[in-house]
C-alpha atoms as a PDB file:
ATOM      1  CA  MET A   1      -9.124 -49.109 -31.134  1.00  0.00           C
ATOM      2  CA  PRO A   2      -8.700 -49.021 -27.744  1.00  0.00           C
ATOM      3  CA  VAL A   3     -10.941 -46.617 -25.833  1.00  0.00           C
ATOM      4  CA  THR A   4      -9.393 -44.584 -22.368  1.00  0.00           C
ATOM      5  CA  SER A   5     -12.361 -44.476 -19.817  1.00  0.00           C
ATOM      6  CA  GLY A   6     -13.099 -40.988 -17.959  1.00  0.00           C
ATOM      7  CA  LYS A   7     -11.744 -42.492 -14.906  1.00  0.00           C
ATOM      8  CA  GLY A   8      -8.633 -43.932 -16.601  1.00  0.00           C
ATOM      9  CA  TYR A   9      -8.074 -40.440 -18.285  1.00  0.00           C
ATOM     10  CA  THR A  10      -8.357 -38.729 -15.086  1.00  0.00           C
ATOM     11  CA  VAL A  11      -5.951 -41.060 -13.279  1.00  0.00           C
ATOM     12  CA  MET A  12      -3.501 -40.250 -16.150  1.00  0.00           C
ATOM     13  CA  LYS A  13      -3.646 -36.671 -15.690  1.00  0.00           C
ATOM     14  CA  ILE A  14      -3.148 -37.028 -11.908  1.00  0.00           C
ATOM     15  CA  ARG A  15      -0.217 -38.981 -12.672  1.00  0.00           C
ATOM     16  CA  THR A  16       1.463 -36.477 -15.445  1.00  0.00           C
ATOM     17  CA  VAL A  17       0.858 -33.651 -12.663  1.00  0.00           C
ATOM     18  CA  GLU A  18       2.694 -35.576  -9.918  1.00  0.00           C
ATOM     19  CA  TYR A  19       5.212 -36.261 -12.310  1.00  0.00           C
ATOM     20  CA  PHE A  20       5.548 -32.518 -13.336  1.00  0.00           C
ATOM     21  CA  VAL A  21       5.754 -31.447  -9.510  1.00  0.00           C
ATOM     22  CA  ARG A  22       8.272 -34.262  -8.661  1.00  0.00           C
ATOM     23  CA  GLU A  23      10.463 -32.982 -11.290  1.00  0.00           C
ATOM     24  CA  ALA A  24      10.276 -29.616 -10.300  1.00  0.00           C
ATOM     25  CA  VAL A  25      11.225 -30.146  -6.495  1.00  0.00           C
ATOM     26  CA  SER A  26      14.046 -32.475  -7.240  1.00  0.00           C
ATOM     27  CA  SER A  27      15.425 -29.641  -9.708  1.00  0.00           C
ATOM     28  CA  LEU A  28      15.039 -27.232  -6.775  1.00  0.00           C
ATOM     29  CA  ARG A  29      16.948 -29.530  -4.500  1.00  0.00           C
ATOM     30  CA  HIS A  30      19.547 -29.788  -7.324  1.00  0.00           C
ATOM     31  CA  ASN A  31      20.134 -26.345  -7.549  1.00  0.00           C
ATOM     32  CA  GLY A  32      19.828 -25.428  -3.767  1.00  0.00           C
ATOM     33  CA  LEU A  33      21.951 -22.079  -4.032  1.00  0.00           C
ATOM     34  CA  MET A  34      20.189 -20.779  -6.848  1.00  0.00           C
ATOM     35  CA  SER A  35      17.165 -21.426  -5.610  1.00  0.00           C
ATOM     36  CA  ILE A  36      17.400 -19.552  -2.741  1.00  0.00           C
ATOM     37  CA  ALA A  37      19.002 -16.715  -4.290  1.00  0.00           C
ATOM     38  CA  SER A  38      15.830 -16.836  -6.584  1.00  0.00           C
ATOM     39  CA  VAL A  39      13.715 -16.811  -3.706  1.00  0.00           C
ATOM     40  CA  SER A  40      15.481 -14.312  -1.837  1.00  0.00           C
ATOM     41  CA  THR A  41      15.616 -12.093  -4.647  1.00  0.00           C
ATOM     42  CA  VAL A  42      11.923 -11.870  -5.275  1.00  0.00           C
ATOM     43  CA  ALA A  43      11.389 -11.714  -1.577  1.00  0.00           C
ATOM     44  CA  LEU A  44      13.154  -8.564  -1.016  1.00  0.00           C
ATOM     45  CA  SER A  45      11.319  -6.909  -4.869  1.00  0.00           C
ATOM     46  CA  LEU A  46       8.063  -7.922  -3.354  1.00  0.00           C
ATOM     47  CA  LEU A  47       8.819  -6.759   0.172  1.00  0.00           C
ATOM     48  CA  ILE A  48       9.784  -3.210  -1.269  1.00  0.00           C
ATOM     49  CA  LEU A  49       6.824  -3.514  -3.546  1.00  0.00           C
ATOM     50  CA  GLY A  50       4.683  -4.079  -0.558  1.00  0.00           C
ATOM     51  CA  LEU A  51       6.246  -1.407   1.702  1.00  0.00           C
ATOM     52  CA  PHE A  52       5.902   1.324  -1.001  1.00  0.00           C
ATOM     53  CA  LEU A  53       2.068   0.313  -1.676  1.00  0.00           C
ATOM     54  CA  ILE A  54       1.392   0.777   1.914  1.00  0.00           C
ATOM     55  CA  LEU A  55       3.254   4.004   2.109  1.00  0.00           C
ATOM     56  CA  VAL A  56       1.577   5.338  -0.743  1.00  0.00           C
ATOM     57  CA  LEU A  57      -2.099   3.926  -0.396  1.00  0.00           C
ATOM     58  CA  ASN A  58      -2.090   5.116   3.193  1.00  0.00           C
ATOM     59  CA  LEU A  59      -0.738   8.582   1.808  1.00  0.00           C
ATOM     60  CA  ASN A  60      -3.602   8.494  -0.281  1.00  0.00           C
ATOM     61  CA  ASN A  61      -5.876   7.650   2.527  1.00  0.00           C
ATOM     62  CA  MET A  62      -4.712  10.250   5.017  1.00  0.00           C
ATOM     63  CA  ALA A  63      -5.086  12.959   2.042  1.00  0.00           C
ATOM     64  CA  SER A  64      -8.650  12.142   0.976  1.00  0.00           C
ATOM     65  CA  VAL A  65      -9.798  11.776   4.857  1.00  0.00           C
ATOM     66  CA  LEU A  66      -7.956  15.482   5.156  1.00  0.00           C
ATOM     67  CA  GLU A  67      -9.453  17.240   2.422  1.00  0.00           C
ATOM     68  CA  SER A  68     -12.817  15.912   3.327  1.00  0.00           C
ATOM     69  CA  GLN A  69     -12.136  17.589   6.603  1.00  0.00           C
ATOM     70  CA  VAL A  70     -10.960  20.367   5.347  1.00  0.00           C
ATOM     71  CA  GLN A  71     -12.348  23.662   7.242  1.00  0.00           C
ATOM     72  CA  ILE A  72     -11.349  26.824   7.801  1.00  0.00           C
ATOM     73  CA  SER A  73     -10.781  28.084  11.927  1.00  0.00           C
ATOM     74  CA  VAL A  74     -11.702  32.033  12.469  1.00  0.00           C
ATOM     75  CA  TYR A  75      -9.909  32.838  15.569  1.00  0.00           C
ATOM     76  CA  LEU A  76     -11.638  36.168  17.481  1.00  0.00           C
ATOM     77  CA  HIS A  77      -9.992  38.685  19.500  1.00  0.00           C
ATOM     78  CA  ASP A  78     -10.562  38.300  23.505  1.00  0.00           C
ATOM     79  CA  ASN A  79     -12.564  41.561  23.990  1.00  0.00           C
ATOM     80  CA  LEU A  80     -15.410  40.672  21.867  1.00  0.00           C
ATOM     81  CA  ASN A  81     -19.070  40.904  23.459  1.00  0.00           C
ATOM     82  CA  ASP A  82     -21.775  38.379  22.193  1.00  0.00           C
ATOM     83  CA  ARG A  83     -23.357  40.775  20.114  1.00  0.00           C
ATOM     84  CA  GLU A  84     -20.510  41.170  17.738  1.00  0.00           C
ATOM     85  CA  ILE A  85     -19.619  37.816  17.666  1.00  0.00           C
ATOM     86  CA  ARG A  86     -22.805  37.014  16.111  1.00  0.00           C
ATOM     87  CA  GLU A  87     -22.078  39.948  13.526  1.00  0.00           C
ATOM     88  CA  ILE A  88     -18.559  38.368  12.669  1.00  0.00           C
ATOM     89  CA  GLY A  89     -20.460  35.011  12.363  1.00  0.00           C
ATOM     90  CA  THR A  90     -23.548  36.433  10.142  1.00  0.00           C
ATOM     91  CA  ARG A  91     -20.869  38.031   8.043  1.00  0.00           C
ATOM     92  CA  ILE A  92     -18.930  34.856   7.727  1.00  0.00           C
ATOM     93  CA  THR A  93     -22.266  32.801   6.576  1.00  0.00           C
ATOM     94  CA  LYS A  94     -23.003  35.611   4.109  1.00  0.00           C
ATOM     95  CA  LEU A  95     -19.384  35.122   2.051  1.00  0.00           C
ATOM     96  CA  PRO A  96     -19.903  33.071  -1.346  1.00  0.00           C
ATOM     97  CA  GLY A  97     -19.391  29.162  -0.926  1.00  0.00           C
ATOM     98  CA  VAL A  98     -19.309  29.114   2.811  1.00  0.00           C
ATOM     99  CA  THR A  99     -21.998  26.194   3.715  1.00  0.00           C
ATOM    100  CA  GLN A 100     -21.934  26.265   7.401  1.00  0.00           C
ATOM    101  CA  VAL A 101     -20.774  28.300  10.199  1.00  0.00           C
ATOM    102  CA  THR A 102     -20.246  26.843  13.663  1.00  0.00           C
ATOM    103  CA  PHE A 103     -19.568  28.865  16.916  1.00  0.00           C
ATOM    104  CA  VAL A 104     -16.782  27.454  19.288  1.00  0.00           C
ATOM    105  CA  SER A 105     -16.311  28.715  22.689  1.00  0.00           C
ATOM    106  CA  ARG A 106     -12.593  28.788  24.102  1.00  0.00           C
ATOM    107  CA  ASP A 107     -14.318  26.156  26.775  1.00  0.00           C
ATOM    108  CA  GLU A 108     -15.035  23.760  24.081  1.00  0.00           C
ATOM    109  CA  ALA A 109     -12.154  24.098  22.549  1.00  0.00           C
ATOM    110  CA  LEU A 110     -10.416  23.534  25.757  1.00  0.00           C
ATOM    111  CA  GLN A 111     -12.190  20.517  26.141  1.00  0.00           C
ATOM    112  CA  ARG A 112     -11.641  19.179  22.365  1.00  0.00           C
ATOM    113  CA  PHE A 113      -8.075  20.084  22.839  1.00  0.00           C
ATOM    114  CA  LYS A 114      -7.805  17.280  25.924  1.00  0.00           C
ATOM    115  CA  GLN A 115      -9.637  14.651  24.208  1.00  0.00           C
ATOM    116  CA  ARG A 116      -7.074  14.855  21.504  1.00  0.00           C
ATOM    117  CA  LEU A 117      -4.320  14.817  24.085  1.00  0.00           C
ATOM    118  CA  GLY A 118      -5.810  11.649  25.549  1.00  0.00           C
ATOM    119  CA  GLU A 119      -3.431  10.362  28.315  1.00  0.00           C
ATOM    120  CA  GLN A 120      -1.420  12.985  27.905  1.00  0.00           C
ATOM    121  CA  GLN A 121      -3.547  15.569  29.660  1.00  0.00           C
ATOM    122  CA  GLY A 122      -1.238  15.969  32.072  1.00  0.00           C
ATOM    123  CA  LEU A 123       0.824  18.716  29.945  1.00  0.00           C
ATOM    124  CA  LEU A 124      -1.765  20.942  30.423  1.00  0.00           C
ATOM    125  CA  ALA A 125      -1.396  21.081  34.336  1.00  0.00           C
ATOM    126  CA  ALA A 126       1.047  23.810  34.162  1.00  0.00           C
ATOM    127  CA  LEU A 127      -1.606  26.167  32.802  1.00  0.00           C
ATOM    128  CA  GLY A 128      -3.833  25.926  35.998  1.00  0.00           C
ATOM    129  CA  ASP A 129      -7.339  27.461  35.198  1.00  0.00           C
ATOM    130  CA  ASN A 130      -6.256  29.663  32.817  1.00  0.00           C
ATOM    131  CA  ASN A 131      -7.534  28.769  29.125  1.00  0.00           C
ATOM    132  CA  PRO A 132      -5.180  30.405  26.278  1.00  0.00           C
ATOM    133  CA  LEU A 133      -7.618  29.462  23.703  1.00  0.00           C
ATOM    134  CA  PRO A 134      -9.757  32.347  21.704  1.00  0.00           C
ATOM    135  CA  ASN A 135     -12.848  31.638  20.705  1.00  0.00           C
ATOM    136  CA  SER A 136     -13.444  30.442  16.739  1.00  0.00           C
ATOM    137  CA  PHE A 137     -15.791  29.861  14.155  1.00  0.00           C
ATOM    138  CA  GLU A 138     -15.226  26.557  12.099  1.00  0.00           C
ATOM    139  CA  VAL A 139     -16.303  27.492   8.657  1.00  0.00           C
ATOM    140  CA  LYS A 140     -17.332  24.853   5.640  1.00  0.00           C
ATOM    141  CA  VAL A 141     -16.998  25.643   1.940  1.00  0.00           C
ATOM    142  CA  ASP A 142     -18.898  24.106  -0.730  1.00  0.00           C
ATOM    143  CA  GLN A 143     -15.411  23.037  -2.872  1.00  0.00           C
ATOM    144  CA  PRO A 144     -12.145  22.794  -1.396  1.00  0.00           C
ATOM    145  CA  GLU A 145     -11.112  25.393  -4.361  1.00  0.00           C
ATOM    146  CA  ARG A 146     -12.776  28.100  -2.220  1.00  0.00           C
ATOM    147  CA  VAL A 147     -10.807  27.383   1.138  1.00  0.00           C
ATOM    148  CA  LYS A 148      -8.199  29.949   0.655  1.00  0.00           C
ATOM    149  CA  GLN A 149     -10.413  32.689  -1.062  1.00  0.00           C
ATOM    150  CA  VAL A 150     -12.869  32.628   2.223  1.00  0.00           C
ATOM    151  CA  ALA A 151      -9.937  32.498   4.774  1.00  0.00           C
ATOM    152  CA  GLN A 152      -8.953  35.573   3.224  1.00  0.00           C
ATOM    153  CA  ALA A 153     -12.024  37.170   3.360  1.00  0.00           C
ATOM    154  CA  ALA A 154     -12.916  36.431   6.712  1.00  0.00           C
ATOM    155  CA  GLY A 155      -9.342  37.462   8.043  1.00  0.00           C
ATOM    156  CA  GLN A 156     -10.043  41.195   6.927  1.00  0.00           C
ATOM    157  CA  LEU A 157     -13.401  41.208   9.217  1.00  0.00           C
ATOM    158  CA  LYS A 158     -13.233  43.561  12.423  1.00  0.00           C
ATOM    159  CA  GLY A 159     -12.507  41.500  15.222  1.00  0.00           C
ATOM    160  CA  VAL A 160     -10.756  38.584  13.396  1.00  0.00           C
ATOM    161  CA  GLU A 161      -7.512  37.801  14.581  1.00  0.00           C
ATOM    162  CA  ASN A 162      -6.559  35.149  12.458  1.00  0.00           C
ATOM    163  CA  THR A 163      -7.522  32.333  10.004  1.00  0.00           C
ATOM    164  CA  ARG A 164      -5.972  28.899   9.501  1.00  0.00           C
ATOM    165  CA  PHE A 165      -6.734  26.074   7.205  1.00  0.00           C
ATOM    166  CA  GLY A 166      -4.976  23.009   6.283  1.00  0.00           C
ATOM    167  CA  GLN A 167      -5.021  23.143   2.399  1.00  0.00           C
ATOM    168  CA  GLU A 168      -1.384  23.451   2.276  1.00  0.00           C
ATOM    169  CA  ILE A 169      -0.989  20.096   4.456  1.00  0.00           C
ATOM    170  CA  ILE A 170      -2.924  18.509   2.179  1.00  0.00           C
ATOM    171  CA  GLU A 171      -1.238  19.821  -0.906  1.00  0.00           C
ATOM    172  CA  GLN A 172       2.061  18.819   0.165  1.00  0.00           C
ATOM    173  CA  LEU A 173       0.688  15.601   1.120  1.00  0.00           C
ATOM    174  CA  PHE A 174      -0.720  14.786  -2.341  1.00  0.00           C
ATOM    175  CA  ASN A 175       2.850  16.024  -3.695  1.00  0.00           C
ATOM    176  CA  LEU A 176       5.084  13.292  -1.663  1.00  0.00           C
ATOM    177  CA  THR A 177       2.502  10.771  -2.345  1.00  0.00           C
ATOM    178  CA  LYS A 178       3.465  11.497  -6.202  1.00  0.00           C
ATOM    179  CA  MET A 179       6.997  11.638  -5.562  1.00  0.00           C
ATOM    180  CA  VAL A 180       6.693   8.251  -3.663  1.00  0.00           C
ATOM    181  CA  ARG A 181       4.866   6.771  -6.139  1.00  0.00           C
ATOM    182  CA  ILE A 182       7.099   7.492  -8.716  1.00  0.00           C
ATOM    183  CA  PHE A 183      10.123   6.638  -7.460  1.00  0.00           C
ATOM    184  CA  GLY A 184       8.771   3.487  -5.790  1.00  0.00           C
ATOM    185  CA  PHE A 185       7.770   2.387  -9.301  1.00  0.00           C
ATOM    186  CA  VAL A 186      11.187   2.903 -11.152  1.00  0.00           C
ATOM    187  CA  LEU A 187      12.605   0.600  -8.561  1.00  0.00           C
ATOM    188  CA  ILE A 188      10.031  -1.905  -8.220  1.00  0.00           C
ATOM    189  CA  ILE A 189      10.617  -2.338 -12.250  1.00  0.00           C
ATOM    190  CA  PHE A 190      14.232  -2.723 -11.408  1.00  0.00           C
ATOM    191  CA  LEU A 191      13.866  -5.550  -8.665  1.00  0.00           C
ATOM    192  CA  ALA A 192      11.217  -7.330 -11.062  1.00  0.00           C
ATOM    193  CA  LEU A 193      13.907  -7.453 -13.841  1.00  0.00           C
ATOM    194  CA  ALA A 194      16.521  -8.606 -11.263  1.00  0.00           C
ATOM    195  CA  ALA A 195      14.437 -11.382  -9.600  1.00  0.00           C
ATOM    196  CA  THR A 196      13.168 -12.403 -13.310  1.00  0.00           C
ATOM    197  CA  PHE A 197      16.677 -12.441 -14.239  1.00  0.00           C
ATOM    198  CA  ILE A 198      17.894 -14.676 -11.736  1.00  0.00           C
ATOM    199  CA  ILE A 199      14.949 -17.055 -11.638  1.00  0.00           C
ATOM    200  CA  SER A 200      15.913 -17.429 -15.572  1.00  0.00           C
ATOM    201  CA  ASN A 201      19.508 -18.403 -15.225  1.00  0.00           C
ATOM    202  CA  THR A 202      17.920 -20.836 -12.126  1.00  0.00           C
ATOM    203  CA  ILE A 203      16.018 -22.762 -14.908  1.00  0.00           C
ATOM    204  CA  ARG A 204      18.369 -22.706 -17.405  1.00  0.00           C
ATOM    205  CA  ILE A 205      21.011 -24.138 -15.019  1.00  0.00           C
ATOM    206  CA  THR A 206      18.335 -27.209 -14.960  1.00  0.00           C
ATOM    207  CA  VAL A 207      17.890 -27.221 -18.773  1.00  0.00           C
ATOM    208  CA  PHE A 208      21.379 -27.563 -19.412  1.00  0.00           C
ATOM    209  CA  ALA A 209      21.981 -30.188 -16.801  1.00  0.00           C
ATOM    210  CA  ARG A 210      19.433 -32.261 -18.783  1.00  0.00           C
ATOM    211  CA  ARG A 211      19.712 -31.049 -21.987  1.00  0.00           C
ATOM    212  CA  LYS A 212      20.816 -35.038 -22.991  1.00  0.00           C
ATOM    213  CA  GLU A 213      17.650 -36.094 -21.078  1.00  0.00           C
ATOM    214  CA  ILE A 214      15.361 -33.335 -22.536  1.00  0.00           C
ATOM    215  CA  ALA A 215      16.549 -34.438 -26.446  1.00  0.00           C
ATOM    216  CA  ILE A 216      15.999 -38.120 -25.549  1.00  0.00           C
ATOM    217  CA  MET A 217      12.084 -37.265 -24.541  1.00  0.00           C
ATOM    218  CA  LYS A 218      11.655 -35.599 -27.621  1.00  0.00           C
ATOM    219  CA  TYR A 219      12.815 -38.201 -29.917  1.00  0.00           C
ATOM    220  CA  VAL A 220      10.636 -40.855 -28.310  1.00  0.00           C
ATOM    221  CA  GLY A 221       7.705 -38.041 -29.092  1.00  0.00           C
ATOM    222  CA  ALA A 222       7.309 -36.102 -25.995  1.00  0.00           C
ATOM    223  CA  THR A 223       5.497 -32.919 -26.705  1.00  0.00           C
ATOM    224  CA  ASP A 224       7.130 -29.083 -26.065  1.00  0.00           C
ATOM    225  CA  TRP A 225       5.014 -28.745 -23.419  1.00  0.00           C
ATOM    226  CA  PHE A 226       5.213 -31.871 -21.320  1.00  0.00           C
ATOM    227  CA  ILE A 227       8.841 -31.334 -21.620  1.00  0.00           C
ATOM    228  CA  ARG A 228       8.204 -27.335 -20.678  1.00  0.00           C
ATOM    229  CA  TRP A 229       6.016 -27.805 -17.833  1.00  0.00           C
ATOM    230  CA  PRO A 230       7.989 -29.238 -15.010  1.00  0.00           C
ATOM    231  CA  PHE A 231      10.361 -26.085 -15.431  1.00  0.00           C
ATOM    232  CA  LEU A 232       7.467 -23.615 -15.354  1.00  0.00           C
ATOM    233  CA  ILE A 233       6.167 -25.235 -11.991  1.00  0.00           C
ATOM    234  CA  GLU A 234       9.601 -24.979 -10.829  1.00  0.00           C
ATOM    235  CA  GLY A 235       9.597 -20.906 -11.595  1.00  0.00           C
ATOM    236  CA  MET A 236       6.382 -20.427  -9.989  1.00  0.00           C
ATOM    237  CA  ILE A 237       7.630 -22.424  -6.998  1.00  0.00           C
ATOM    238  CA  LEU A 238      10.381 -20.212  -6.543  1.00  0.00           C
ATOM    239  CA  GLY A 239       8.469 -16.998  -7.249  1.00  0.00           C
ATOM    240  CA  PHE A 240       5.645 -17.909  -4.861  1.00  0.00           C
ATOM    241  CA  GLY A 241       7.796 -18.855  -2.251  1.00  0.00           C
ATOM    242  CA  GLY A 242       9.459 -15.551  -2.653  1.00  0.00           C
ATOM    243  CA  ALA A 243       6.331 -13.517  -2.404  1.00  0.00           C
ATOM    244  CA  LEU A 244       5.003 -15.820   0.312  1.00  0.00           C
ATOM    245  CA  ILE A 245       7.973 -14.662   2.631  1.00  0.00           C
ATOM    246  CA  ALA A 246       7.372 -11.223   1.833  1.00  0.00           C
ATOM    247  CA  VAL A 247       3.752 -11.312   2.724  1.00  0.00           C
ATOM    248  CA  LEU A 248       4.229 -12.890   5.832  1.00  0.00           C
ATOM    249  CA  LEU A 249       7.048 -10.042   6.981  1.00  0.00           C
ATOM    250  CA  LEU A 250       4.734  -7.422   5.403  1.00  0.00           C
ATOM    251  CA  SER A 251       1.603  -8.756   7.727  1.00  0.00           C
ATOM    252  CA  ARG A 252       3.594  -8.716  10.694  1.00  0.00           C
ATOM    253  CA  ALA A 253       4.884  -5.494  10.245  1.00  0.00           C
ATOM    254  CA  TYR A 254       1.988  -3.584   9.269  1.00  0.00           C
ATOM    255  CA  GLY A 255       0.133  -5.173  12.468  1.00  0.00           C
ATOM    256  CA  ALA A 256       2.746  -4.175  14.754  1.00  0.00           C
ATOM    257  CA  LEU A 257       2.699  -0.705  12.870  1.00  0.00           C
ATOM    258  CA  ALA A 258      -1.101  -0.294  13.338  1.00  0.00           C
ATOM    259  CA  ALA A 259      -0.823  -1.485  16.619  1.00  0.00           C
ATOM    260  CA  GLU A 260       1.704   1.364  17.809  1.00  0.00           C
ATOM    261  CA  VAL A 261       0.036   4.000  15.656  1.00  0.00           C
ATOM    262  CA  TYR A 262      -3.591   3.346  17.546  1.00  0.00           C
ATOM    263  CA  ALA A 263      -2.155   3.460  20.749  1.00  0.00           C
ATOM    264  CA  SER A 264      -0.029   6.537  20.345  1.00  0.00           C
ATOM    265  CA  LEU A 265      -1.543   8.445  17.118  1.00  0.00           C
ATOM    266  CA  ALA A 266      -5.481   7.237  17.633  1.00  0.00           C
ATOM    267  CA  PHE A 267      -6.551  10.167  14.996  1.00  0.00           C
ATOM    268  CA  MET A 268      -3.833   9.106  12.414  1.00  0.00           C
ATOM    269  CA  PRO A 269      -6.244   7.755   9.514  1.00  0.00           C
ATOM    270  CA  LEU A 270      -4.448   4.372   8.934  1.00  0.00           C
ATOM    271  CA  ILE A 271      -6.028   1.771   6.875  1.00  0.00           C
ATOM    272  CA  PRO A 272      -7.149  -1.259   9.078  1.00  0.00           C
ATOM    273  CA  LYS A 273      -5.148  -3.942   8.311  1.00  0.00           C
ATOM    274  CA  TYR A 274      -8.143  -6.370   7.565  1.00  0.00           C
ATOM    275  CA  PRO A 275      -9.249  -6.720   4.667  1.00  0.00           C
ATOM    276  CA  PHE A 276      -6.296  -4.294   3.037  1.00  0.00           C
ATOM    277  CA  ILE A 277      -3.438  -7.046   4.096  1.00  0.00           C
ATOM    278  CA  THR A 278      -5.273  -9.664   2.630  1.00  0.00           C
ATOM    279  CA  ASN A 279      -5.817  -7.900  -0.244  1.00  0.00           C
ATOM    280  CA  LEU A 280      -2.314  -6.847  -0.683  1.00  0.00           C
ATOM    281  CA  SER A 281      -1.093 -10.400  -0.116  1.00  0.00           C
ATOM    282  CA  ILE A 282      -3.189 -11.840  -2.990  1.00  0.00           C
ATOM    283  CA  VAL A 283      -1.537  -9.228  -5.205  1.00  0.00           C
ATOM    284  CA  LEU A 284       1.962  -9.872  -4.266  1.00  0.00           C
ATOM    285  CA  LEU A 285       1.318 -13.917  -4.355  1.00  0.00           C
ATOM    286  CA  LEU A 286       0.177 -13.196  -7.858  1.00  0.00           C
ATOM    287  CA  VAL A 287       2.700 -10.975  -8.972  1.00  0.00           C
ATOM    288  CA  GLY A 288       5.543 -13.615  -7.609  1.00  0.00           C
ATOM    289  CA  THR A 289       4.249 -16.511  -9.244  1.00  0.00           C
ATOM    290  CA  SER A 290       3.764 -14.383 -12.171  1.00  0.00           C
ATOM    291  CA  ILE A 291       7.062 -13.705 -11.932  1.00  0.00           C
ATOM    292  CA  GLY A 292       8.778 -16.860 -11.415  1.00  0.00           C
ATOM    293  CA  ALA A 293       6.629 -18.175 -14.632  1.00  0.00           C
ATOM    294  CA  LEU A 294       7.748 -15.047 -16.421  1.00  0.00           C
ATOM    295  CA  GLY A 295      11.454 -16.211 -15.574  1.00  0.00           C
ATOM    296  CA  SER A 296      10.892 -19.840 -16.795  1.00  0.00           C
ATOM    297  CA  THR A 297       9.229 -18.682 -20.204  1.00  0.00           C
ATOM    298  CA  ILE A 298      12.151 -16.623 -21.098  1.00  0.00           C
ATOM    299  CA  SER A 299      15.009 -19.228 -20.524  1.00  0.00           C
ATOM    300  CA  LEU A 300      12.923 -21.934 -22.013  1.00  0.00           C
ATOM    301  CA  ARG A 301      12.396 -20.113 -25.117  1.00  0.00           C
ATOM    302  CA  ARG A 302      16.428 -19.699 -25.722  1.00  0.00           C
ATOM    303  CA  PHE A 303      17.562 -23.263 -24.326  1.00  0.00           C
ATOM    304  CA  MET A 304      14.933 -25.915 -25.135  1.00  0.00           C
ATOM    305  CA  LYS A 305      16.461 -26.032 -28.829  1.00  0.00           C
ATOM    306  CA  VAL A 306      18.529 -28.719 -27.549  1.00  0.00           C
END
């Protein structure tokens, strides 16, 4: 009985893989229009998927950052003296749930406002030496759920003009994120099904055109998997190609967006490009390749019986 050496077996496996790849590439060339349609559909689907993921993840990040920074601003009347201001601070400290109370003078508040404006500080030139900002206290609580209760209690103290906190904005942000996530999920499922259907049709056309060749290969003893692999690789190439286009577009778009945000809205908590885009790209490439493999599998299951 002839014995195949390990080296000879390895060479045979390499040649087999080369044969599978050559057959897949040849099939792609013969079905150029359908291949382009498949790649385009996958690219569009994953581009939209990537955009929704970027949007939802950044909204979640923004909401988390804002929630961790939630504090109550207690604004005071202008006619208060130092003793009255200290008394108000003491009363606020004794409110249930308050963990920290920091006094912010009107001059300090103006300096902070100028820093936030950055290069746009010229907008304050019209004020001259006037400072319209009041003295205030910054109040932090132990739990976000207590923010509203503490704000109402502090607002009723004598000498307090009003209170402000950003809990409503955070709740609206979370609601928006939830709506975007649901809508995006439905749209992504629809587009993924469309991409799978088109890739399946592309493979189906190839299988039908080569039905006689496949029948001969079966008669001479070729296994089902030996026949399937070129078509499976073809679908994976289509899916990977579409995903690669989507990844390149998303990377460039997010890079441009991040640069614009950092230049004009530096305070916005945008997720840094790296490693965020790298991880997102890996996910999209895996999803695209999987869609291609799924489309091929569906087509082969129905049309391999020749």
